[in-house]
Amino acid sequence: MQASEVEEIIKQQIEKVEVKVQSDGSHYQVIAIGDVFSGLSPVKKQQLIYGCLNKHIMDGTIHAVIIKTYTPEEWL
């Protein structure tokens, strides 16, 4: 799966989020920026992203993922 495909999967499920994904095959690093993360605990932020990708993690398409989430204010 291409990094751009992972970006689209997340963007389709979480509104108004900017997503940047880097990949070396089955390992991905996701950076997500959006107001949706405001007020959420670090665990809840990661759960939002994992929820989008869970199907692909379970079937082995995505082997490992590192997730970093930010509000727009945190990103600046």
N, C-alpha and C. Protein backbone atom coordinates (compact mmCIF):
# COMPACT_ATOMS: atom_id res chain seq x y z
N MET A 1 0.84 -1.17 0.00
CA MET A 1 0.00 0.00 0.00
C MET A 1 0.89 1.24 0.00
N GLN A 2 0.57 2.17 -0.86
CA GLN A 2 1.33 3.41 -0.97
C GLN A 2 0.97 4.37 0.16
N ALA A 3 1.91 5.24 0.50
CA ALA A 3 1.68 6.24 1.54
C ALA A 3 0.48 7.12 1.19
N SER A 4 0.32 7.45 -0.07
CA SER A 4 -0.81 8.28 -0.50
C SER A 4 -2.15 7.59 -0.26
N GLU A 5 -2.18 6.27 -0.36
CA GLU A 5 -3.41 5.52 -0.09
C GLU A 5 -3.77 5.59 1.39
N VAL A 6 -2.76 5.50 2.25
CA VAL A 6 -2.99 5.60 3.69
C VAL A 6 -3.52 7.00 4.02
N GLU A 7 -2.95 8.02 3.40
CA GLU A 7 -3.43 9.38 3.60
C GLU A 7 -4.90 9.49 3.25
N GLU A 8 -5.28 8.95 2.11
CA GLU A 8 -6.67 9.04 1.66
C GLU A 8 -7.63 8.29 2.58
N ILE A 9 -7.21 7.13 3.06
CA ILE A 9 -8.05 6.36 3.98
C ILE A 9 -8.37 7.19 5.22
N ILE A 10 -7.36 7.85 5.76
CA ILE A 10 -7.57 8.66 6.97
C ILE A 10 -8.43 9.88 6.64
N LYS A 11 -8.14 10.56 5.54
CA LYS A 11 -8.89 11.77 5.17
C LYS A 11 -10.36 11.46 4.90
N GLN A 12 -10.65 10.28 4.39
CA GLN A 12 -12.04 9.90 4.11
C GLN A 12 -12.83 9.67 5.40
N GLN A 13 -12.14 9.32 6.48
CA GLN A 13 -12.84 8.98 7.72
C GLN A 13 -12.80 10.06 8.79
N ILE A 14 -11.85 10.99 8.66
CA ILE A 14 -11.75 12.09 9.62
C ILE A 14 -11.81 13.40 8.84
N GLU A 15 -12.83 14.19 9.11
CA GLU A 15 -13.01 15.44 8.39
C GLU A 15 -12.00 16.49 8.82
N LYS A 16 -11.62 17.33 7.87
CA LYS A 16 -10.77 18.50 8.12
C LYS A 16 -9.47 18.16 8.84
N VAL A 17 -8.80 17.15 8.35
CA VAL A 17 -7.51 16.76 8.91
C VAL A 17 -6.47 16.76 7.79
N GLU A 18 -5.31 17.31 8.09
CA GLU A 18 -4.19 17.25 7.16
C GLU A 18 -3.35 16.05 7.55
N VAL A 19 -3.00 15.24 6.56
CA VAL A 19 -2.28 13.99 6.84
C VAL A 19 -1.04 13.91 5.97
N LYS A 20 0.06 13.53 6.61
CA LYS A 20 1.31 13.29 5.90
C LYS A 20 1.77 11.89 6.29
N VAL A 21 2.07 11.08 5.31
CA VAL A 21 2.47 9.70 5.58
C VAL A 21 3.77 9.41 4.84
N GLN A 22 4.69 8.79 5.56
CA GLN A 22 5.91 8.27 4.95
C GLN A 22 5.89 6.75 5.13
N SER A 23 6.47 6.06 4.15
CA SER A 23 6.42 4.59 4.18
C SER A 23 7.70 3.99 3.62
N ASP A 24 8.04 2.82 4.16
CA ASP A 24 9.13 2.04 3.57
C ASP A 24 8.60 0.67 3.15
N GLY A 25 7.33 0.60 2.85
CA GLY A 25 6.73 -0.67 2.44
C GLY A 25 5.54 -1.00 3.30
N SER A 26 5.77 -1.71 4.40
CA SER A 26 4.65 -2.05 5.29
C SER A 26 4.74 -1.31 6.62
N HIS A 27 5.74 -0.45 6.78
CA HIS A 27 5.90 0.37 7.97
C HIS A 27 5.58 1.82 7.59
N TYR A 28 4.76 2.47 8.40
CA TYR A 28 4.29 3.81 8.06
C TYR A 28 4.48 4.76 9.23
N GLN A 29 4.78 6.01 8.90
CA GLN A 29 4.77 7.08 9.89
C GLN A 29 3.70 8.06 9.46
N VAL A 30 2.73 8.29 10.36
CA VAL A 30 1.60 9.16 10.08
C VAL A 30 1.72 10.41 10.94
N ILE A 31 1.63 11.56 10.30
CA ILE A 31 1.50 12.84 11.01
C ILE A 31 0.15 13.39 10.62
N ALA A 32 -0.69 13.64 11.62
CA ALA A 32 -2.04 14.14 11.38
C ALA A 32 -2.23 15.44 12.16
N ILE A 33 -2.79 16.43 11.47
CA ILE A 33 -2.98 17.75 12.06
C ILE A 33 -4.43 18.15 11.85
N GLY A 34 -5.11 18.47 12.96
CA GLY A 34 -6.49 18.91 12.82
C GLY A 34 -7.10 19.31 14.15
N ASP A 35 -8.14 20.13 14.08
CA ASP A 35 -8.87 20.54 15.27
C ASP A 35 -9.53 19.37 15.97
N VAL A 36 -9.75 18.30 15.25
CA VAL A 36 -10.39 17.11 15.81
C VAL A 36 -9.63 16.57 17.02
N PHE A 37 -8.35 16.88 17.12
CA PHE A 37 -7.53 16.37 18.22
C PHE A 37 -7.57 17.25 19.46
N SER A 38 -8.20 18.42 19.36
CA SER A 38 -8.27 19.34 20.50
C SER A 38 -9.00 18.69 21.68
N GLY A 39 -8.38 18.76 22.84
CA GLY A 39 -9.00 18.26 24.06
C GLY A 39 -8.94 16.76 24.26
N LEU A 40 -8.37 16.04 23.32
CA LEU A 40 -8.29 14.58 23.45
C LEU A 40 -6.98 14.18 24.12
N SER A 41 -7.03 13.08 24.85
CA SER A 41 -5.81 12.53 25.45
C SER A 41 -4.95 11.96 24.32
N PRO A 42 -3.66 11.79 24.58
CA PRO A 42 -2.80 11.18 23.56
C PRO A 42 -3.31 9.81 23.08
N VAL A 43 -3.84 9.03 23.99
CA VAL A 43 -4.37 7.71 23.62
C VAL A 43 -5.57 7.85 22.69
N LYS A 44 -6.49 8.75 23.00
CA LYS A 44 -7.68 8.95 22.16
C LYS A 44 -7.30 9.46 20.77
N LYS A 45 -6.27 10.31 20.71
CA LYS A 45 -5.81 10.81 19.41
C LYS A 45 -5.32 9.65 18.55
N GLN A 46 -4.51 8.77 19.15
CA GLN A 46 -4.00 7.63 18.39
C GLN A 46 -5.11 6.66 18.01
N GLN A 47 -6.08 6.50 18.90
CA GLN A 47 -7.19 5.59 18.61
C GLN A 47 -7.98 6.06 17.40
N LEU A 48 -8.10 7.37 17.21
CA LEU A 48 -8.80 7.89 16.03
C LEU A 48 -8.11 7.41 14.75
N ILE A 49 -6.80 7.51 14.73
CA ILE A 49 -6.05 7.10 13.54
C ILE A 49 -6.05 5.58 13.38
N TYR A 50 -5.81 4.87 14.47
CA TYR A 50 -5.85 3.40 14.40
C TYR A 50 -7.21 2.91 13.91
N GLY A 51 -8.27 3.57 14.32
CA GLY A 51 -9.61 3.18 13.88
C GLY A 51 -9.75 3.22 12.37
N CYS A 52 -9.11 4.20 11.76
CA CYS A 52 -9.16 4.31 10.30
C CYS A 52 -8.37 3.19 9.61
N LEU A 53 -7.30 2.77 10.25
CA LEU A 53 -6.37 1.83 9.61
C LEU A 53 -6.50 0.39 10.10
N ASN A 54 -7.35 0.15 11.07
CA ASN A 54 -7.43 -1.16 11.72
C ASN A 54 -7.62 -2.32 10.74
N LYS A 55 -8.48 -2.16 9.77
CA LYS A 55 -8.73 -3.23 8.79
C LYS A 55 -7.42 -3.63 8.10
N HIS A 56 -6.61 -2.65 7.75
CA HIS A 56 -5.38 -2.91 7.02
C HIS A 56 -4.27 -3.43 7.95
N ILE A 57 -4.36 -3.08 9.22
CA ILE A 57 -3.42 -3.64 10.20
C ILE A 57 -3.76 -5.11 10.43
N MET A 58 -5.05 -5.39 10.58
CA MET A 58 -5.49 -6.76 10.85
C MET A 58 -5.18 -7.70 9.69
N ASP A 59 -5.28 -7.22 8.44
CA ASP A 59 -5.01 -8.12 7.31
C ASP A 59 -3.53 -8.16 6.93
N GLY A 60 -2.68 -7.41 7.66
CA GLY A 60 -1.24 -7.46 7.44
C GLY A 60 -0.71 -6.51 6.39
N THR A 61 -1.60 -5.76 5.74
CA THR A 61 -1.14 -4.79 4.74
C THR A 61 -0.25 -3.74 5.39
N ILE A 62 -0.67 -3.31 6.57
CA ILE A 62 0.13 -2.38 7.37
C ILE A 62 0.70 -3.18 8.52
N HIS A 63 2.02 -3.27 8.56
CA HIS A 63 2.66 -4.06 9.61
C HIS A 63 2.90 -3.23 10.87
N ALA A 64 3.33 -2.01 10.69
CA ALA A 64 3.64 -1.15 11.83
C ALA A 64 3.32 0.30 11.46
N VAL A 65 2.89 1.05 12.46
CA VAL A 65 2.57 2.46 12.22
C VAL A 65 2.99 3.29 13.43
N ILE A 66 3.64 4.38 13.15
CA ILE A 66 3.97 5.37 14.16
C ILE A 66 3.06 6.56 13.90
N ILE A 67 2.37 7.01 14.94
CA ILE A 67 1.39 8.08 14.78
C ILE A 67 1.78 9.27 15.62
N LYS A 68 1.78 10.43 14.99
CA LYS A 68 1.97 11.70 15.69
C LYS A 68 0.80 12.60 15.32
N THR A 69 0.12 13.11 16.33
CA THR A 69 -1.05 13.95 16.08
C THR A 69 -0.85 15.32 16.71
N TYR A 70 -1.40 16.32 16.04
CA TYR A 70 -1.26 17.70 16.50
C TYR A 70 -2.54 18.48 16.20
N THR A 71 -2.83 19.43 17.06
CA THR A 71 -3.82 20.45 16.70
C THR A 71 -3.08 21.46 15.81
N PRO A 72 -3.80 22.29 15.08
CA PRO A 72 -3.10 23.30 14.26
C PRO A 72 -2.20 24.20 15.11
N GLU A 73 -2.62 24.53 16.32
CA GLU A 73 -1.82 25.38 17.20
C GLU A 73 -0.53 24.68 17.64
N GLU A 74 -0.62 23.38 17.90
CA GLU A 74 0.56 22.62 18.29
C GLU A 74 1.54 22.47 17.13
N TRP A 75 1.02 22.41 15.91
CA TRP A 75 1.85 22.21 14.73
C TRP A 75 2.71 23.43 14.43
N LEU A 76 2.20 24.61 14.76
CA LEU A 76 2.95 25.85 14.47
C LEU A 76 4.16 25.96 15.26
